[in-house]
Amino acid sequence: MKFSWVLPDNNSLNKFEDEETFLNKNIEEAKLAERNGFDSILVSSTPNSFDPWILATYLAMKTERIKLIVAQNTSHVLPSSTLKALNTLNYITNNRIDINVVTGSSKEGILKDTKYLNHEIRYKRTYEFLELLQKLRKGICSHEGEFFQVNNATIYPKIRGEDSSSIFVAGSSNEALAAAAKFGDYHLSYADDFPNVGEQISRLNNLSQRYSRSVKSGIYINIISRKTTNEAWNEAYKLIERASPFQKRLVKLYYSNADSIGILKHNAFNKEFSNKALWGGLASISTTVSLSIIGSYGEVADTLKKYQELGVSFFLLLSASNDKEIERIGNYVLPYLKM
């Protein structure tokens, strides 16, 4: 079981006064994650963040051991330039860099950077992006596809096979599962109730077996953990109370412009779950927080353990509450899970 901390972006739940404050917060959380037993940190590629490759380079210089997972939207760059950046940064950092391939969800957000393509076409692009990325990792190749073309291409610097970084493929749709099954080392998705996560892992396993592969499963989930159950829930409800009507309207507008399967599920999370520690309430005030685990340290650890029993081996953790959550999880949750 591995744990990654999601570094903050400048979203509606976590607005920063200026760029310097935002950068310092990323540095602080990267160092805290390293000191508190996390295996990696995720560097976001959202519009409200710094360039992920440049930020990851800077954070690697500020840390010593922790791995960095760099998110890359396939709508923005070529597979060849992505692999060159990945190999270069791994060479510089002694192989501490992995990549999280994302496809994008909000029409409004996509249009700020490039031409909008519907969900089906975006995933066709992602599938071909990963296909070419894997070809380039093996050596000189040519490729003539719908979205990408290369002729006798090779990537410098080269990384030895045993030092190759892991490829994470994010998404909750059937198309994301198919891409992860054929090309990924890990599949990442928003957390869901236990039966749905179990069913998704079963589908991923069946798909990956067709290619004689084994792909690990990971989930993205918010944590609010305190010494007692009541303390944790009080903090969760305070987040709802502090949210302005304008903030809630912005979230609804975002959902109305998204065609991501995972994002669209957020609206359905205002329901009862099979575990009393699971809660979907923050989806009404945040576009980045879907499902949460709320409870005492023991309850949070037990809930994560149940996901592990279903087949989840990688956890992307974040917290919408405050900056002490890394230390709480590191001191009181991770030791129980890593025994």
C-alpha atoms as a PDB file:
ATOM      1  CA  MET A   1       0.000   0.000   0.000  1.00  0.00           C
ATOM      2  CA  LYS A   2       1.435   3.368  -1.073  1.00  0.00           C
ATOM      3  CA  PHE A   3       0.348   6.867  -0.146  1.00  0.00           C
ATOM      4  CA  SER A   4       0.692  10.087  -2.119  1.00  0.00           C
ATOM      5  CA  TRP A   5      -0.152  13.604  -0.933  1.00  0.00           C
ATOM      6  CA  VAL A   6      -1.935  15.889  -3.408  1.00  0.00           C
ATOM      7  CA  LEU A   7      -0.261  19.294  -3.382  1.00  0.00           C
ATOM      8  CA  PRO A   8      -2.648  22.268  -3.315  1.00  0.00           C
ATOM      9  CA  ASP A   9      -3.812  24.169  -6.337  1.00  0.00           C
ATOM     10  CA  ASN A  10      -5.493  27.554  -6.235  1.00  0.00           C
ATOM     11  CA  ASN A  11      -9.062  26.238  -6.067  1.00  0.00           C
ATOM     12  CA  SER A  12     -12.183  27.652  -4.475  1.00  0.00           C
ATOM     13  CA  LEU A  13     -11.575  25.876  -1.151  1.00  0.00           C
ATOM     14  CA  ASN A  14      -7.967  26.960  -0.905  1.00  0.00           C
ATOM     15  CA  LYS A  15      -7.406  30.414  -2.366  1.00  0.00           C
ATOM     16  CA  PHE A  16      -3.968  31.955  -1.905  1.00  0.00           C
ATOM     17  CA  GLU A  17      -3.288  35.668  -1.703  1.00  0.00           C
ATOM     18  CA  ASP A  18      -0.462  35.703  -4.241  1.00  0.00           C
ATOM     19  CA  GLU A  19       1.903  33.470  -6.197  1.00  0.00           C
ATOM     20  CA  GLU A  20       4.657  33.601  -3.575  1.00  0.00           C
ATOM     21  CA  THR A  21       2.297  32.366  -0.854  1.00  0.00           C
ATOM     22  CA  PHE A  22       1.078  29.610  -3.144  1.00  0.00           C
ATOM     23  CA  LEU A  23       4.622  28.488  -4.020  1.00  0.00           C
ATOM     24  CA  ASN A  24       5.677  28.490  -0.378  1.00  0.00           C
ATOM     25  CA  LYS A  25       2.651  26.389   0.516  1.00  0.00           C
ATOM     26  CA  ASN A  26       3.632  23.794  -2.095  1.00  0.00           C
ATOM     27  CA  ILE A  27       7.190  23.689  -0.725  1.00  0.00           C
ATOM     28  CA  GLU A  28       5.931  23.383   2.852  1.00  0.00           C
ATOM     29  CA  GLU A  29       3.547  20.531   2.057  1.00  0.00           C
ATOM     30  CA  ALA A  30       6.136  18.672  -0.034  1.00  0.00           C
ATOM     31  CA  LYS A  31       8.571  18.738   2.889  1.00  0.00           C
ATOM     32  CA  LEU A  32       5.849  17.773   5.390  1.00  0.00           C
ATOM     33  CA  ALA A  33       4.780  14.835   3.231  1.00  0.00           C
ATOM     34  CA  GLU A  34       8.376  13.615   3.049  1.00  0.00           C
ATOM     35  CA  ARG A  35       8.855  13.924   6.832  1.00  0.00           C
ATOM     36  CA  ASN A  36       5.561  12.207   7.607  1.00  0.00           C
ATOM     37  CA  GLY A  37       5.962   8.959   5.721  1.00  0.00           C
ATOM     38  CA  PHE A  38       4.292   9.621   2.373  1.00  0.00           C
ATOM     39  CA  ASP A  39       5.744   7.790  -0.610  1.00  0.00           C
ATOM     40  CA  SER A  40       5.089  10.544  -3.161  1.00  0.00           C
ATOM     41  CA  ILE A  41       3.444  13.873  -3.890  1.00  0.00           C
ATOM     42  CA  LEU A  42       1.181  14.732  -6.824  1.00  0.00           C
ATOM     43  CA  VAL A  43       1.946  17.925  -8.748  1.00  0.00           C
ATOM     44  CA  SER A  44      -1.226  19.193 -10.385  1.00  0.00           C
ATOM     45  CA  SER A  45      -1.656  20.371 -13.975  1.00  0.00           C
ATOM     46  CA  THR A  46      -4.803  22.432 -13.367  1.00  0.00           C
ATOM     47  CA  PRO A  47      -5.099  25.985 -14.755  1.00  0.00           C
ATOM     48  CA  ASN A  48      -4.902  27.306 -11.176  1.00  0.00           C
ATOM     49  CA  SER A  49      -1.412  25.997 -10.539  1.00  0.00           C
ATOM     50  CA  PHE A  50       2.163  26.485 -11.724  1.00  0.00           C
ATOM     51  CA  ASP A  51       3.555  24.569 -14.677  1.00  0.00           C
ATOM     52  CA  PRO A  52       3.810  21.022 -13.277  1.00  0.00           C
ATOM     53  CA  TRP A  53       7.211  20.131 -14.763  1.00  0.00           C
ATOM     54  CA  ILE A  54       8.919  23.307 -13.615  1.00  0.00           C
ATOM     55  CA  LEU A  55       7.306  23.130 -10.176  1.00  0.00           C
ATOM     56  CA  ALA A  56       8.260  19.456  -9.818  1.00  0.00           C
ATOM     57  CA  THR A  57      11.881  20.311 -10.676  1.00  0.00           C
ATOM     58  CA  TYR A  58      11.939  23.008  -8.016  1.00  0.00           C
ATOM     59  CA  LEU A  59      10.294  20.786  -5.387  1.00  0.00           C
ATOM     60  CA  ALA A  60      12.715  17.953  -6.136  1.00  0.00           C
ATOM     61  CA  MET A  61      15.522  20.356  -5.239  1.00  0.00           C
ATOM     62  CA  LYS A  62      13.783  21.172  -1.945  1.00  0.00           C
ATOM     63  CA  THR A  63      13.285  17.518  -0.925  1.00  0.00           C
ATOM     64  CA  GLU A  64      15.545  14.479  -0.672  1.00  0.00           C
ATOM     65  CA  ARG A  65      13.675  11.174  -0.938  1.00  0.00           C
ATOM     66  CA  ILE A  66      10.031  11.557  -1.842  1.00  0.00           C
ATOM     67  CA  LYS A  67       8.857  10.728  -5.365  1.00  0.00           C
ATOM     68  CA  LEU A  68       6.979  13.303  -7.448  1.00  0.00           C
ATOM     69  CA  ILE A  69       4.074  12.378  -9.712  1.00  0.00           C
ATOM     70  CA  VAL A  70       3.723  15.003 -12.436  1.00  0.00           C
ATOM     71  CA  ALA A  71       0.248  15.387 -13.923  1.00  0.00           C
ATOM     72  CA  GLN A  72       0.197  15.876 -17.709  1.00  0.00           C
ATOM     73  CA  ASN A  73      -2.919  16.731 -19.695  1.00  0.00           C
ATOM     74  CA  THR A  74      -2.779  15.020 -23.084  1.00  0.00           C
ATOM     75  CA  SER A  75      -4.472  17.978 -24.771  1.00  0.00           C
ATOM     76  CA  HIS A  76      -1.492  20.251 -24.141  1.00  0.00           C
ATOM     77  CA  VAL A  77       1.710  18.568 -25.320  1.00  0.00           C
ATOM     78  CA  LEU A  78       3.219  15.903 -27.557  1.00  0.00           C
ATOM     79  CA  PRO A  79       4.177  12.451 -26.255  1.00  0.00           C
ATOM     80  CA  SER A  80       7.758  13.009 -27.430  1.00  0.00           C
ATOM     81  CA  SER A  81       8.208  16.287 -25.518  1.00  0.00           C
ATOM     82  CA  THR A  82       6.519  14.738 -22.472  1.00  0.00           C
ATOM     83  CA  LEU A  83       8.872  11.762 -22.436  1.00  0.00           C
ATOM     84  CA  LYS A  84      11.891  14.031 -22.949  1.00  0.00           C
ATOM     85  CA  ALA A  85      10.864  16.087 -19.922  1.00  0.00           C
ATOM     86  CA  LEU A  86      10.190  12.945 -17.886  1.00  0.00           C
ATOM     87  CA  ASN A  87      13.536  11.341 -18.740  1.00  0.00           C
ATOM     88  CA  THR A  88      15.461  14.564 -18.190  1.00  0.00           C
ATOM     89  CA  LEU A  89      13.942  15.174 -14.786  1.00  0.00           C
ATOM     90  CA  ASN A  90      14.489  11.550 -13.769  1.00  0.00           C
ATOM     91  CA  TYR A  91      18.138  11.840 -14.799  1.00  0.00           C
ATOM     92  CA  ILE A  92      18.539  14.988 -12.707  1.00  0.00           C
ATOM     93  CA  THR A  93      16.687  13.613  -9.646  1.00  0.00           C
ATOM     94  CA  ASN A  94      18.007  10.034  -9.641  1.00  0.00           C
ATOM     95  CA  ASN A  95      14.694   8.549 -10.824  1.00  0.00           C
ATOM     96  CA  ARG A  96      12.222  10.208  -8.471  1.00  0.00           C
ATOM     97  CA  ILE A  97       9.640  11.198 -11.118  1.00  0.00           C
ATOM     98  CA  ASP A  98       6.478   9.404 -12.248  1.00  0.00           C
ATOM     99  CA  ILE A  99       3.766  10.719 -14.585  1.00  0.00           C
ATOM    100  CA  ASN A 100      -0.003  10.952 -14.185  1.00  0.00           C
ATOM    101  CA  VAL A 101      -1.733  11.112 -17.579  1.00  0.00           C
ATOM    102  CA  VAL A 102      -4.995  13.096 -17.421  1.00  0.00           C
ATOM    103  CA  THR A 103      -7.504  13.916 -20.126  1.00  0.00           C
ATOM    104  CA  GLY A 104      -9.419  16.972 -18.851  1.00  0.00           C
ATOM    105  CA  SER A 105     -13.079  17.413 -18.042  1.00  0.00           C
ATOM    106  CA  SER A 106     -14.371  20.989 -18.069  1.00  0.00           C
ATOM    107  CA  LYS A 107     -15.295  22.496 -21.425  1.00  0.00           C
ATOM    108  CA  GLU A 108     -14.620  25.973 -20.080  1.00  0.00           C
ATOM    109  CA  GLY A 109     -11.197  24.947 -18.786  1.00  0.00           C
ATOM    110  CA  ILE A 110     -10.187  23.171 -21.992  1.00  0.00           C
ATOM    111  CA  LEU A 111     -11.182  26.126 -24.158  1.00  0.00           C
ATOM    112  CA  LYS A 112      -8.783  28.354 -22.213  1.00  0.00           C
ATOM    113  CA  ASP A 113      -5.867  26.318 -23.552  1.00  0.00           C
ATOM    114  CA  THR A 114      -6.874  24.618 -26.762  1.00  0.00           C
ATOM    115  CA  LYS A 115      -9.713  23.451 -29.009  1.00  0.00           C
ATOM    116  CA  TYR A 116     -12.509  21.627 -27.210  1.00  0.00           C
ATOM    117  CA  LEU A 117     -12.933  17.960 -28.124  1.00  0.00           C
ATOM    118  CA  ASN A 118     -15.738  15.848 -26.724  1.00  0.00           C
ATOM    119  CA  HIS A 119     -15.132  13.077 -24.198  1.00  0.00           C
ATOM    120  CA  GLU A 120     -14.866  10.284 -26.765  1.00  0.00           C
ATOM    121  CA  ILE A 121     -12.361  12.102 -28.976  1.00  0.00           C
ATOM    122  CA  ARG A 122     -10.277  13.287 -25.999  1.00  0.00           C
ATOM    123  CA  TYR A 123      -9.864   9.707 -24.849  1.00  0.00           C
ATOM    124  CA  LYS A 124      -8.980   8.548 -28.348  1.00  0.00           C
ATOM    125  CA  ARG A 125      -6.208  11.145 -28.193  1.00  0.00           C
ATOM    126  CA  THR A 126      -5.140   9.954 -24.735  1.00  0.00           C
ATOM    127  CA  TYR A 127      -5.097   6.330 -25.891  1.00  0.00           C
ATOM    128  CA  GLU A 128      -2.852   7.224 -28.838  1.00  0.00           C
ATOM    129  CA  PHE A 129      -0.731   9.493 -26.611  1.00  0.00           C
ATOM    130  CA  LEU A 130      -0.001   6.546 -24.308  1.00  0.00           C
ATOM    131  CA  GLU A 131       0.541   4.176 -27.216  1.00  0.00           C
ATOM    132  CA  LEU A 132       3.216   6.428 -28.716  1.00  0.00           C
ATOM    133  CA  LEU A 133       4.736   7.183 -25.315  1.00  0.00           C
ATOM    134  CA  GLN A 134       5.283   3.468 -24.723  1.00  0.00           C
ATOM    135  CA  LYS A 135       6.745   2.989 -28.225  1.00  0.00           C
ATOM    136  CA  LEU A 136       9.202   5.832 -27.651  1.00  0.00           C
ATOM    137  CA  ARG A 137      10.294   4.350 -24.331  1.00  0.00           C
ATOM    138  CA  LYS A 138      11.414   1.205 -26.170  1.00  0.00           C
ATOM    139  CA  GLY A 139      13.655   3.023 -28.649  1.00  0.00           C
ATOM    140  CA  ILE A 140      13.593   4.445 -32.176  1.00  0.00           C
ATOM    141  CA  CYS A 141      10.106   4.346 -33.672  1.00  0.00           C
ATOM    142  CA  SER A 142       7.834   5.760 -36.350  1.00  0.00           C
ATOM    143  CA  HIS A 143       4.143   6.366 -35.856  1.00  0.00           C
ATOM    144  CA  GLU A 144       1.388   7.620 -38.136  1.00  0.00           C
ATOM    145  CA  GLY A 145      -1.810   8.146 -36.173  1.00  0.00           C
ATOM    146  CA  GLU A 146      -4.895  10.312 -36.045  1.00  0.00           C
ATOM    147  CA  PHE A 147      -3.375  12.777 -33.565  1.00  0.00           C
ATOM    148  CA  PHE A 148       0.398  12.205 -33.566  1.00  0.00           C
ATOM    149  CA  GLN A 149       3.036  11.483 -36.189  1.00  0.00           C
ATOM    150  CA  VAL A 150       6.762  10.804 -35.736  1.00  0.00           C
ATOM    151  CA  ASN A 151       9.411   9.438 -38.099  1.00  0.00           C
ATOM    152  CA  ASN A 152      12.455   7.569 -36.773  1.00  0.00           C
ATOM    153  CA  ALA A 153      12.026   9.332 -33.457  1.00  0.00           C
ATOM    154  CA  THR A 154      14.256   8.737 -30.455  1.00  0.00           C
ATOM    155  CA  ILE A 155      14.329  10.363 -27.045  1.00  0.00           C
ATOM    156  CA  TYR A 156      17.368  11.772 -25.259  1.00  0.00           C
ATOM    157  CA  PRO A 157      18.280  11.214 -22.487  1.00  0.00           C
ATOM    158  CA  LYS A 158      17.534   7.520 -22.365  1.00  0.00           C
ATOM    159  CA  ILE A 159      16.507   5.835 -19.130  1.00  0.00           C
ATOM    160  CA  ARG A 160      17.415   2.226 -18.444  1.00  0.00           C
ATOM    161  CA  GLY A 161      14.481  -0.179 -18.354  1.00  0.00           C
ATOM    162  CA  GLU A 162      14.832  -0.933 -14.649  1.00  0.00           C
ATOM    163  CA  ASP A 163      14.787   2.801 -13.908  1.00  0.00           C
ATOM    164  CA  SER A 164      11.690   3.591 -15.969  1.00  0.00           C
ATOM    165  CA  SER A 165       9.108   5.699 -14.175  1.00  0.00           C
ATOM    166  CA  SER A 166       5.580   4.469 -13.460  1.00  0.00           C
ATOM    167  CA  ILE A 167       2.723   5.658 -15.652  1.00  0.00           C
ATOM    168  CA  PHE A 168      -0.507   6.535 -13.865  1.00  0.00           C
ATOM    169  CA  VAL A 169      -3.640   6.846 -16.002  1.00  0.00           C
ATOM    170  CA  ALA A 170      -6.446   8.867 -14.419  1.00  0.00           C
ATOM    171  CA  GLY A 171     -10.156   8.632 -15.193  1.00  0.00           C
ATOM    172  CA  SER A 172     -13.389   6.913 -14.200  1.00  0.00           C
ATOM    173  CA  SER A 173     -14.791   6.135 -17.653  1.00  0.00           C
ATOM    174  CA  ASN A 174     -14.625   2.897 -19.603  1.00  0.00           C
ATOM    175  CA  GLU A 175     -12.195   4.613 -21.975  1.00  0.00           C
ATOM    176  CA  ALA A 176      -9.858   5.486 -19.097  1.00  0.00           C
ATOM    177  CA  LEU A 177      -9.960   1.898 -17.843  1.00  0.00           C
ATOM    178  CA  ALA A 178      -9.128   0.596 -21.322  1.00  0.00           C
ATOM    179  CA  ALA A 179      -6.159   2.967 -21.681  1.00  0.00           C
ATOM    180  CA  ALA A 180      -4.828   2.086 -18.220  1.00  0.00           C
ATOM    181  CA  ALA A 181      -5.246  -1.633 -18.831  1.00  0.00           C
ATOM    182  CA  LYS A 182      -3.131  -1.573 -21.986  1.00  0.00           C
ATOM    183  CA  PHE A 183      -0.549   1.129 -21.241  1.00  0.00           C
ATOM    184  CA  GLY A 184      -0.535   2.090 -17.544  1.00  0.00           C
ATOM    185  CA  ASP A 185       1.154   0.800 -14.431  1.00  0.00           C
ATOM    186  CA  TYR A 186      -1.573   2.278 -12.233  1.00  0.00           C
ATOM    187  CA  HIS A 187      -5.171   3.317 -12.822  1.00  0.00           C
ATOM    188  CA  LEU A 188      -6.362   6.289 -10.742  1.00  0.00           C
ATOM    189  CA  SER A 189      -9.952   7.380 -10.180  1.00  0.00           C
ATOM    190  CA  TYR A 190     -12.062   9.352  -7.747  1.00  0.00           C
ATOM    191  CA  ALA A 191     -13.043   7.276  -4.738  1.00  0.00           C
ATOM    192  CA  ASP A 192     -16.513   5.763  -4.628  1.00  0.00           C
ATOM    193  CA  ASP A 193     -18.526   3.519  -2.345  1.00  0.00           C
ATOM    194  CA  PHE A 194     -16.992   0.091  -1.695  1.00  0.00           C
ATOM    195  CA  PRO A 195     -19.205  -1.951  -4.058  1.00  0.00           C
ATOM    196  CA  ASN A 196     -18.527   0.430  -6.962  1.00  0.00           C
ATOM    197  CA  VAL A 197     -14.774   0.452  -6.340  1.00  0.00           C
ATOM    198  CA  GLY A 198     -14.724  -3.338  -6.166  1.00  0.00           C
ATOM    199  CA  GLU A 199     -16.632  -3.614  -9.430  1.00  0.00           C
ATOM    200  CA  GLN A 200     -14.292  -1.137 -11.152  1.00  0.00           C
ATOM    201  CA  ILE A 201     -11.193  -3.025 -10.004  1.00  0.00           C
ATOM    202  CA  SER A 202     -12.706  -6.266 -11.297  1.00  0.00           C
ATOM    203  CA  ARG A 203     -13.256  -4.678 -14.720  1.00  0.00           C
ATOM    204  CA  LEU A 204      -9.698  -3.305 -14.756  1.00  0.00           C
ATOM    205  CA  ASN A 205      -8.278  -6.727 -13.902  1.00  0.00           C
ATOM    206  CA  ASN A 206     -10.288  -8.407 -16.655  1.00  0.00           C
ATOM    207  CA  LEU A 207      -9.168  -5.824 -19.218  1.00  0.00           C
ATOM    208  CA  SER A 208      -5.495  -5.930 -18.267  1.00  0.00           C
ATOM    209  CA  GLN A 209      -5.446  -9.747 -18.374  1.00  0.00           C
ATOM    210  CA  ARG A 210      -6.341  -9.557 -22.059  1.00  0.00           C
ATOM    211  CA  TYR A 211      -2.920  -7.990 -22.604  1.00  0.00           C
ATOM    212  CA  SER A 212      -1.191 -10.318 -20.116  1.00  0.00           C
ATOM    213  CA  ARG A 213      -0.626  -7.353 -17.841  1.00  0.00           C
ATOM    214  CA  SER A 214      -1.248  -6.515 -14.190  1.00  0.00           C
ATOM    215  CA  VAL A 215      -2.296  -2.927 -13.472  1.00  0.00           C
ATOM    216  CA  LYS A 216      -2.584  -1.580  -9.931  1.00  0.00           C
ATOM    217  CA  SER A 217      -5.565   0.462  -8.716  1.00  0.00           C
ATOM    218  CA  GLY A 218      -5.503   3.797  -6.931  1.00  0.00           C
ATOM    219  CA  ILE A 219      -8.137   6.170  -5.582  1.00  0.00           C
ATOM    220  CA  TYR A 220      -8.238   9.907  -4.898  1.00  0.00           C
ATOM    221  CA  ILE A 221      -9.927  10.746  -1.596  1.00  0.00           C
ATOM    222  CA  ASN A 222     -10.224  13.600   0.898  1.00  0.00           C
ATOM    223  CA  ILE A 223      -9.373  13.023   4.576  1.00  0.00           C
ATOM    224  CA  ILE A 224     -10.564  14.853   7.676  1.00  0.00           C
ATOM    225  CA  SER A 225      -9.215  12.991  10.681  1.00  0.00           C
ATOM    226  CA  ARG A 226      -9.186  13.993  14.342  1.00  0.00           C
ATOM    227  CA  LYS A 227      -8.706  12.361  17.743  1.00  0.00           C
ATOM    228  CA  THR A 228     -12.457  11.808  18.051  1.00  0.00           C
ATOM    229  CA  THR A 229     -15.257  11.197  15.566  1.00  0.00           C
ATOM    230  CA  ASN A 230     -17.179  14.293  16.674  1.00  0.00           C
ATOM    231  CA  GLU A 231     -14.180  16.587  16.203  1.00  0.00           C
ATOM    232  CA  ALA A 232     -13.722  15.363  12.638  1.00  0.00           C
ATOM    233  CA  TRP A 233     -17.376  15.805  11.686  1.00  0.00           C
ATOM    234  CA  ASN A 234     -17.529  19.256  13.282  1.00  0.00           C
ATOM    235  CA  GLU A 235     -14.610  20.317  11.072  1.00  0.00           C
ATOM    236  CA  ALA A 236     -16.337  18.900   7.981  1.00  0.00           C
ATOM    237  CA  TYR A 237     -19.565  20.775   8.682  1.00  0.00           C
ATOM    238  CA  LYS A 238     -17.639  24.013   9.288  1.00  0.00           C
ATOM    239  CA  LEU A 239     -16.319  23.825   5.720  1.00  0.00           C
ATOM    240  CA  ILE A 240     -19.890  23.727   4.409  1.00  0.00           C
ATOM    241  CA  GLU A 241     -20.933  26.625   6.663  1.00  0.00           C
ATOM    242  CA  ARG A 242     -18.016  28.797   5.514  1.00  0.00           C
ATOM    243  CA  ALA A 243     -18.765  28.319   1.819  1.00  0.00           C
ATOM    244  CA  SER A 244     -20.452  31.314   0.196  1.00  0.00           C
ATOM    245  CA  PRO A 245     -23.518  31.073  -2.086  1.00  0.00           C
ATOM    246  CA  PHE A 246     -21.297  32.355  -4.914  1.00  0.00           C
ATOM    247  CA  GLN A 247     -18.831  29.529  -4.358  1.00  0.00           C
ATOM    248  CA  LYS A 248     -21.645  26.973  -4.534  1.00  0.00           C
ATOM    249  CA  ARG A 249     -22.963  28.522  -7.767  1.00  0.00           C
ATOM    250  CA  LEU A 250     -19.486  28.297  -9.314  1.00  0.00           C
ATOM    251  CA  VAL A 251     -19.322  24.596  -8.459  1.00  0.00           C
ATOM    252  CA  LYS A 252     -22.719  23.974 -10.079  1.00  0.00           C
ATOM    253  CA  LEU A 253     -21.602  25.876 -13.171  1.00  0.00           C
ATOM    254  CA  TYR A 254     -18.463  23.748 -13.364  1.00  0.00           C
ATOM    255  CA  TYR A 255     -20.489  20.539 -13.190  1.00  0.00           C
ATOM    256  CA  SER A 256     -22.789  21.765 -15.938  1.00  0.00           C
ATOM    257  CA  ASN A 257     -19.771  22.252 -18.243  1.00  0.00           C
ATOM    258  CA  ALA A 258     -18.034  18.958 -17.457  1.00  0.00           C
ATOM    259  CA  ASP A 259     -18.379  15.678 -19.343  1.00  0.00           C
ATOM    260  CA  SER A 260     -15.975  13.687 -17.146  1.00  0.00           C
ATOM    261  CA  ILE A 261     -17.594  10.527 -15.789  1.00  0.00           C
ATOM    262  CA  GLY A 262     -15.791  10.945 -12.470  1.00  0.00           C
ATOM    263  CA  ILE A 263     -16.757  14.617 -12.087  1.00  0.00           C
ATOM    264  CA  LEU A 264     -20.387  13.970 -12.984  1.00  0.00           C
ATOM    265  CA  LYS A 265     -20.567  11.358 -10.232  1.00  0.00           C
ATOM    266  CA  HIS A 266     -19.856  14.079  -7.666  1.00  0.00           C
ATOM    267  CA  ASN A 267     -23.413  15.360  -7.884  1.00  0.00           C
ATOM    268  CA  ALA A 268     -24.681  11.901  -6.900  1.00  0.00           C
ATOM    269  CA  PHE A 269     -22.536  11.750  -3.768  1.00  0.00           C
ATOM    270  CA  ASN A 270     -25.157  13.399  -1.576  1.00  0.00           C
ATOM    271  CA  LYS A 271     -26.333  10.010  -0.358  1.00  0.00           C
ATOM    272  CA  GLU A 272     -25.827   7.301   2.245  1.00  0.00           C
ATOM    273  CA  PHE A 273     -22.776   5.078   1.898  1.00  0.00           C
ATOM    274  CA  SER A 274     -22.031   1.558   3.051  1.00  0.00           C
ATOM    275  CA  ASN A 275     -19.543   2.927   5.590  1.00  0.00           C
ATOM    276  CA  LYS A 276     -20.469   5.616   8.114  1.00  0.00           C
ATOM    277  CA  ALA A 277     -17.089   7.330   7.691  1.00  0.00           C
ATOM    278  CA  LEU A 278     -17.686   8.061   3.970  1.00  0.00           C
ATOM    279  CA  TRP A 279     -19.259  11.404   3.077  1.00  0.00           C
ATOM    280  CA  GLY A 280     -19.928  13.223  -0.190  1.00  0.00           C
ATOM    281  CA  GLY A 281     -21.006  16.568   1.241  1.00  0.00           C
ATOM    282  CA  LEU A 282     -17.976  18.566   0.128  1.00  0.00           C
ATOM    283  CA  ALA A 283     -18.803  17.915  -3.523  1.00  0.00           C
ATOM    284  CA  SER A 284     -21.369  20.726  -3.207  1.00  0.00           C
ATOM    285  CA  ILE A 285     -18.655  23.306  -2.514  1.00  0.00           C
ATOM    286  CA  SER A 286     -15.605  21.951  -4.349  1.00  0.00           C
ATOM    287  CA  THR A 287     -14.770  20.713  -7.835  1.00  0.00           C
ATOM    288  CA  THR A 288     -11.651  18.907  -6.587  1.00  0.00           C
ATOM    289  CA  VAL A 289     -13.034  17.111  -3.532  1.00  0.00           C
ATOM    290  CA  SER A 290     -15.475  14.326  -4.294  1.00  0.00           C
ATOM    291  CA  LEU A 291     -15.677  11.727  -1.541  1.00  0.00           C
ATOM    292  CA  SER A 292     -14.267  12.151   1.975  1.00  0.00           C
ATOM    293  CA  ILE A 293     -13.332   9.902   4.860  1.00  0.00           C
ATOM    294  CA  ILE A 294     -14.416  11.631   8.072  1.00  0.00           C
ATOM    295  CA  GLY A 295     -13.639  10.253  11.510  1.00  0.00           C
ATOM    296  CA  SER A 296     -11.188   9.365  14.234  1.00  0.00           C
ATOM    297  CA  TYR A 297      -7.707   8.198  13.349  1.00  0.00           C
ATOM    298  CA  GLY A 298      -8.749   4.586  13.814  1.00  0.00           C
ATOM    299  CA  GLU A 299     -11.885   5.003  11.686  1.00  0.00           C
ATOM    300  CA  VAL A 300      -9.914   6.602   8.853  1.00  0.00           C
ATOM    301  CA  ALA A 301      -7.290   3.845   8.950  1.00  0.00           C
ATOM    302  CA  ASP A 302      -9.955   1.122   9.031  1.00  0.00           C
ATOM    303  CA  THR A 303     -11.749   2.678   6.031  1.00  0.00           C
ATOM    304  CA  LEU A 304      -8.538   2.843   4.002  1.00  0.00           C
ATOM    305  CA  LYS A 305      -7.875  -0.771   4.998  1.00  0.00           C
ATOM    306  CA  LYS A 306     -11.256  -1.803   3.586  1.00  0.00           C
ATOM    307  CA  TYR A 307     -10.376  -0.194   0.270  1.00  0.00           C
ATOM    308  CA  GLN A 308      -7.101  -2.114   0.323  1.00  0.00           C
ATOM    309  CA  GLU A 309      -8.996  -5.372   0.849  1.00  0.00           C
ATOM    310  CA  LEU A 310     -10.956  -4.587  -2.325  1.00  0.00           C
ATOM    311  CA  GLY A 311      -7.691  -4.297  -4.277  1.00  0.00           C
ATOM    312  CA  VAL A 312      -6.723  -0.619  -3.920  1.00  0.00           C
ATOM    313  CA  SER A 313      -2.955  -0.396  -3.483  1.00  0.00           C
ATOM    314  CA  PHE A 314      -2.381   3.328  -4.059  1.00  0.00           C
ATOM    315  CA  PHE A 315      -4.030   6.231  -2.236  1.00  0.00           C
ATOM    316  CA  LEU A 316      -3.967   9.861  -3.384  1.00  0.00           C
ATOM    317  CA  LEU A 317      -4.826  11.788  -0.230  1.00  0.00           C
ATOM    318  CA  LEU A 318      -5.730  15.429   0.241  1.00  0.00           C
ATOM    319  CA  SER A 319      -7.517  17.475   2.852  1.00  0.00           C
ATOM    320  CA  ALA A 320      -9.871  20.386   2.478  1.00  0.00           C
ATOM    321  CA  SER A 321      -9.579  21.271   6.176  1.00  0.00           C
ATOM    322  CA  ASN A 322      -6.162  22.707   7.067  1.00  0.00           C
ATOM    323  CA  ASP A 323      -2.405  22.247   6.823  1.00  0.00           C
ATOM    324  CA  LYS A 324      -2.058  20.021   9.910  1.00  0.00           C
ATOM    325  CA  GLU A 325      -3.724  17.078   8.168  1.00  0.00           C
ATOM    326  CA  ILE A 326      -0.442  15.806   6.688  1.00  0.00           C
ATOM    327  CA  GLU A 327       0.997  15.518  10.190  1.00  0.00           C
ATOM    328  CA  ARG A 328      -2.122  13.907  11.634  1.00  0.00           C
ATOM    329  CA  ILE A 329      -2.218  11.295   8.899  1.00  0.00           C
ATOM    330  CA  GLY A 330       1.527  10.754   9.118  1.00  0.00           C
ATOM    331  CA  ASN A 331       1.573  10.377  12.901  1.00  0.00           C
ATOM    332  CA  TYR A 332      -1.691   8.561  13.600  1.00  0.00           C
ATOM    333  CA  VAL A 333      -2.941   6.840  10.425  1.00  0.00           C
ATOM    334  CA  LEU A 334      -0.049   5.724   8.222  1.00  0.00           C
ATOM    335  CA  PRO A 335       1.858   3.906  10.998  1.00  0.00           C
ATOM    336  CA  TYR A 336      -1.202   1.713  11.609  1.00  0.00           C
ATOM    337  CA  LEU A 337      -1.448   0.868   7.898  1.00  0.00           C
ATOM    338  CA  LYS A 338       2.268   0.291   7.319  1.00  0.00           C
ATOM    339  CA  MET A 339       2.781  -2.118  10.236  1.00  0.00           C
END
